Amino acid sequence: MGCPAHKLDPTYCHREPEQTALYQAVAGHLETFLAACEADGHTLPAHVESELRRYLDGAASGGAGGPWMGLVAVAASEGGSAAAGVLPC
């Protein structure tokens, strides 16, 4: 099944980030992850939680790339492993 061409740009292919495993994992586990961090006496930096929520909001509205790229940079700079998808709690 091909990607339907956009009427103004035939090279554009609409993506559905909300259908990806990444989006579903973040959407399905964010609240549980945040609660587990809090139960352990930890909190994520506010900007990290904000980026996760912006990723979910952006993906749902069709613009997933920007917010997630910021989160990867934040995770890597704070001791997380962006390649492995592990964020510090």
C-alpha atoms as a PDB file:
ATOM      1  CA  MET A   1       0.000   0.000   0.000  1.00  0.00           C
ATOM      2  CA  GLY A   2       1.495   3.315  -1.069  1.00  0.00           C
ATOM      3  CA  CYS A   3       1.313   6.688   0.502  1.00  0.00           C
ATOM      4  CA  PRO A   4      -1.338   9.019  -0.966  1.00  0.00           C
ATOM      5  CA  ALA A   5       0.308  12.002  -2.601  1.00  0.00           C
ATOM      6  CA  HIS A   6      -0.394  15.491  -1.333  1.00  0.00           C
ATOM      7  CA  LYS A   7      -2.191  17.613  -3.925  1.00  0.00           C
ATOM      8  CA  LEU A   8       0.397  20.420  -3.723  1.00  0.00           C
ATOM      9  CA  ASP A   9       3.497  18.295  -3.209  1.00  0.00           C
ATOM     10  CA  PRO A  10       3.465  14.780  -4.689  1.00  0.00           C
ATOM     11  CA  THR A  11       6.707  13.917  -2.829  1.00  0.00           C
ATOM     12  CA  TYR A  12       5.082  14.516   0.584  1.00  0.00           C
ATOM     13  CA  CYS A  13       3.837  11.492   2.455  1.00  0.00           C
ATOM     14  CA  HIS A  14       1.590  12.063   5.488  1.00  0.00           C
ATOM     15  CA  ARG A  15       2.839  10.163   8.501  1.00  0.00           C
ATOM     16  CA  GLU A  16       0.775   8.985  11.408  1.00  0.00           C
ATOM     17  CA  PRO A  17       3.061   9.256  14.452  1.00  0.00           C
ATOM     18  CA  GLU A  18       0.232   8.240  16.782  1.00  0.00           C
ATOM     19  CA  GLN A  19       0.377   4.802  15.129  1.00  0.00           C
ATOM     20  CA  THR A  20       4.052   4.245  16.007  1.00  0.00           C
ATOM     21  CA  ALA A  21       5.309   2.058  18.814  1.00  0.00           C
ATOM     22  CA  LEU A  22       7.113   5.051  20.327  1.00  0.00           C
ATOM     23  CA  TYR A  23       3.963   7.159  20.582  1.00  0.00           C
ATOM     24  CA  GLN A  24       1.939   4.254  21.949  1.00  0.00           C
ATOM     25  CA  ALA A  25       4.612   3.466  24.550  1.00  0.00           C
ATOM     26  CA  VAL A  26       4.832   7.082  25.739  1.00  0.00           C
ATOM     27  CA  ALA A  27       1.043   7.537  25.698  1.00  0.00           C
ATOM     28  CA  GLY A  28       0.424   4.232  27.446  1.00  0.00           C
ATOM     29  CA  HIS A  29       3.052   4.531  30.156  1.00  0.00           C
ATOM     30  CA  LEU A  30       3.763   8.209  30.834  1.00  0.00           C
ATOM     31  CA  GLU A  31       1.461   8.582  33.827  1.00  0.00           C
ATOM     32  CA  THR A  32       2.603   5.261  35.323  1.00  0.00           C
ATOM     33  CA  PHE A  33       6.245   6.240  34.820  1.00  0.00           C
ATOM     34  CA  LEU A  34       5.729   9.629  36.477  1.00  0.00           C
ATOM     35  CA  ALA A  35       3.857   8.024  39.403  1.00  0.00           C
ATOM     36  CA  ALA A  36       6.623   5.432  39.859  1.00  0.00           C
ATOM     37  CA  CYS A  37       9.255   8.173  39.903  1.00  0.00           C
ATOM     38  CA  GLU A  38       7.262  10.094  42.499  1.00  0.00           C
ATOM     39  CA  ALA A  39       6.719   6.954  44.610  1.00  0.00           C
ATOM     40  CA  ASP A  40      10.494   6.422  44.636  1.00  0.00           C
ATOM     41  CA  GLY A  41      10.991   9.977  45.839  1.00  0.00           C
ATOM     42  CA  HIS A  42      12.190  11.278  42.476  1.00  0.00           C
ATOM     43  CA  THR A  43      10.769  13.713  39.999  1.00  0.00           C
ATOM     44  CA  LEU A  44      11.677  14.391  36.428  1.00  0.00           C
ATOM     45  CA  PRO A  45      12.864  17.876  35.630  1.00  0.00           C
ATOM     46  CA  ALA A  46       9.821  19.921  34.605  1.00  0.00           C
ATOM     47  CA  HIS A  47      11.173  20.467  31.100  1.00  0.00           C
ATOM     48  CA  VAL A  48      11.487  16.710  30.513  1.00  0.00           C
ATOM     49  CA  GLU A  49       7.878  16.047  31.509  1.00  0.00           C
ATOM     50  CA  SER A  50       6.855  19.025  29.401  1.00  0.00           C
ATOM     51  CA  GLU A  51       8.692  17.640  26.351  1.00  0.00           C
ATOM     52  CA  LEU A  52       7.015  14.246  26.765  1.00  0.00           C
ATOM     53  CA  ARG A  53       3.592  15.866  26.932  1.00  0.00           C
ATOM     54  CA  ARG A  54       4.411  18.125  23.969  1.00  0.00           C
ATOM     55  CA  TYR A  55       5.477  15.050  22.010  1.00  0.00           C
ATOM     56  CA  LEU A  56       2.098  13.445  22.626  1.00  0.00           C
ATOM     57  CA  ASP A  57       0.229  16.649  21.780  1.00  0.00           C
ATOM     58  CA  GLY A  58       2.357  17.326  18.708  1.00  0.00           C
ATOM     59  CA  ALA A  59       2.057  13.795  17.357  1.00  0.00           C
ATOM     60  CA  ALA A  60      -1.697  13.866  17.773  1.00  0.00           C
ATOM     61  CA  SER A  61      -1.871  17.145  15.854  1.00  0.00           C
ATOM     62  CA  GLY A  62       0.508  16.046  13.103  1.00  0.00           C
ATOM     63  CA  GLY A  63       3.806  17.625  14.206  1.00  0.00           C
ATOM     64  CA  ALA A  64       5.770  15.051  16.197  1.00  0.00           C
ATOM     65  CA  GLY A  65       9.365  15.707  15.167  1.00  0.00           C
ATOM     66  CA  GLY A  66      10.304  18.899  16.971  1.00  0.00           C
ATOM     67  CA  PRO A  67       9.345  18.197  20.580  1.00  0.00           C
ATOM     68  CA  TRP A  68      10.747  14.678  20.561  1.00  0.00           C
ATOM     69  CA  MET A  69      14.088  15.804  19.200  1.00  0.00           C
ATOM     70  CA  GLY A  70      14.383  18.193  22.142  1.00  0.00           C
ATOM     71  CA  LEU A  71      13.643  15.384  24.577  1.00  0.00           C
ATOM     72  CA  VAL A  72      16.354  13.170  23.123  1.00  0.00           C
ATOM     73  CA  ALA A  73      18.885  15.961  23.585  1.00  0.00           C
ATOM     74  CA  VAL A  74      17.696  16.587  27.161  1.00  0.00           C
ATOM     75  CA  ALA A  75      17.851  12.897  28.070  1.00  0.00           C
ATOM     76  CA  ALA A  76      21.369  12.536  26.711  1.00  0.00           C
ATOM     77  CA  SER A  77      22.587  15.661  28.478  1.00  0.00           C
ATOM     78  CA  GLU A  78      21.185  14.532  31.842  1.00  0.00           C
ATOM     79  CA  GLY A  79      22.724  11.086  31.966  1.00  0.00           C
ATOM     80  CA  GLY A  80      20.078   9.133  30.089  1.00  0.00           C
ATOM     81  CA  SER A  81      20.829   6.997  27.093  1.00  0.00           C
ATOM     82  CA  ALA A  82      19.011   8.457  24.107  1.00  0.00           C
ATOM     83  CA  ALA A  83      20.078   5.531  21.938  1.00  0.00           C
ATOM     84  CA  ALA A  84      18.615   2.986  24.327  1.00  0.00           C
ATOM     85  CA  GLY A  85      15.583   5.111  25.129  1.00  0.00           C
ATOM     86  CA  VAL A  86      16.420   5.219  28.840  1.00  0.00           C
ATOM     87  CA  LEU A  87      15.583   8.385  30.708  1.00  0.00           C
ATOM     88  CA  PRO A  88      16.922   9.137  34.164  1.00  0.00           C
ATOM     89  CA  CYS A  89      14.216   9.273  36.800  1.00  0.00           C
END
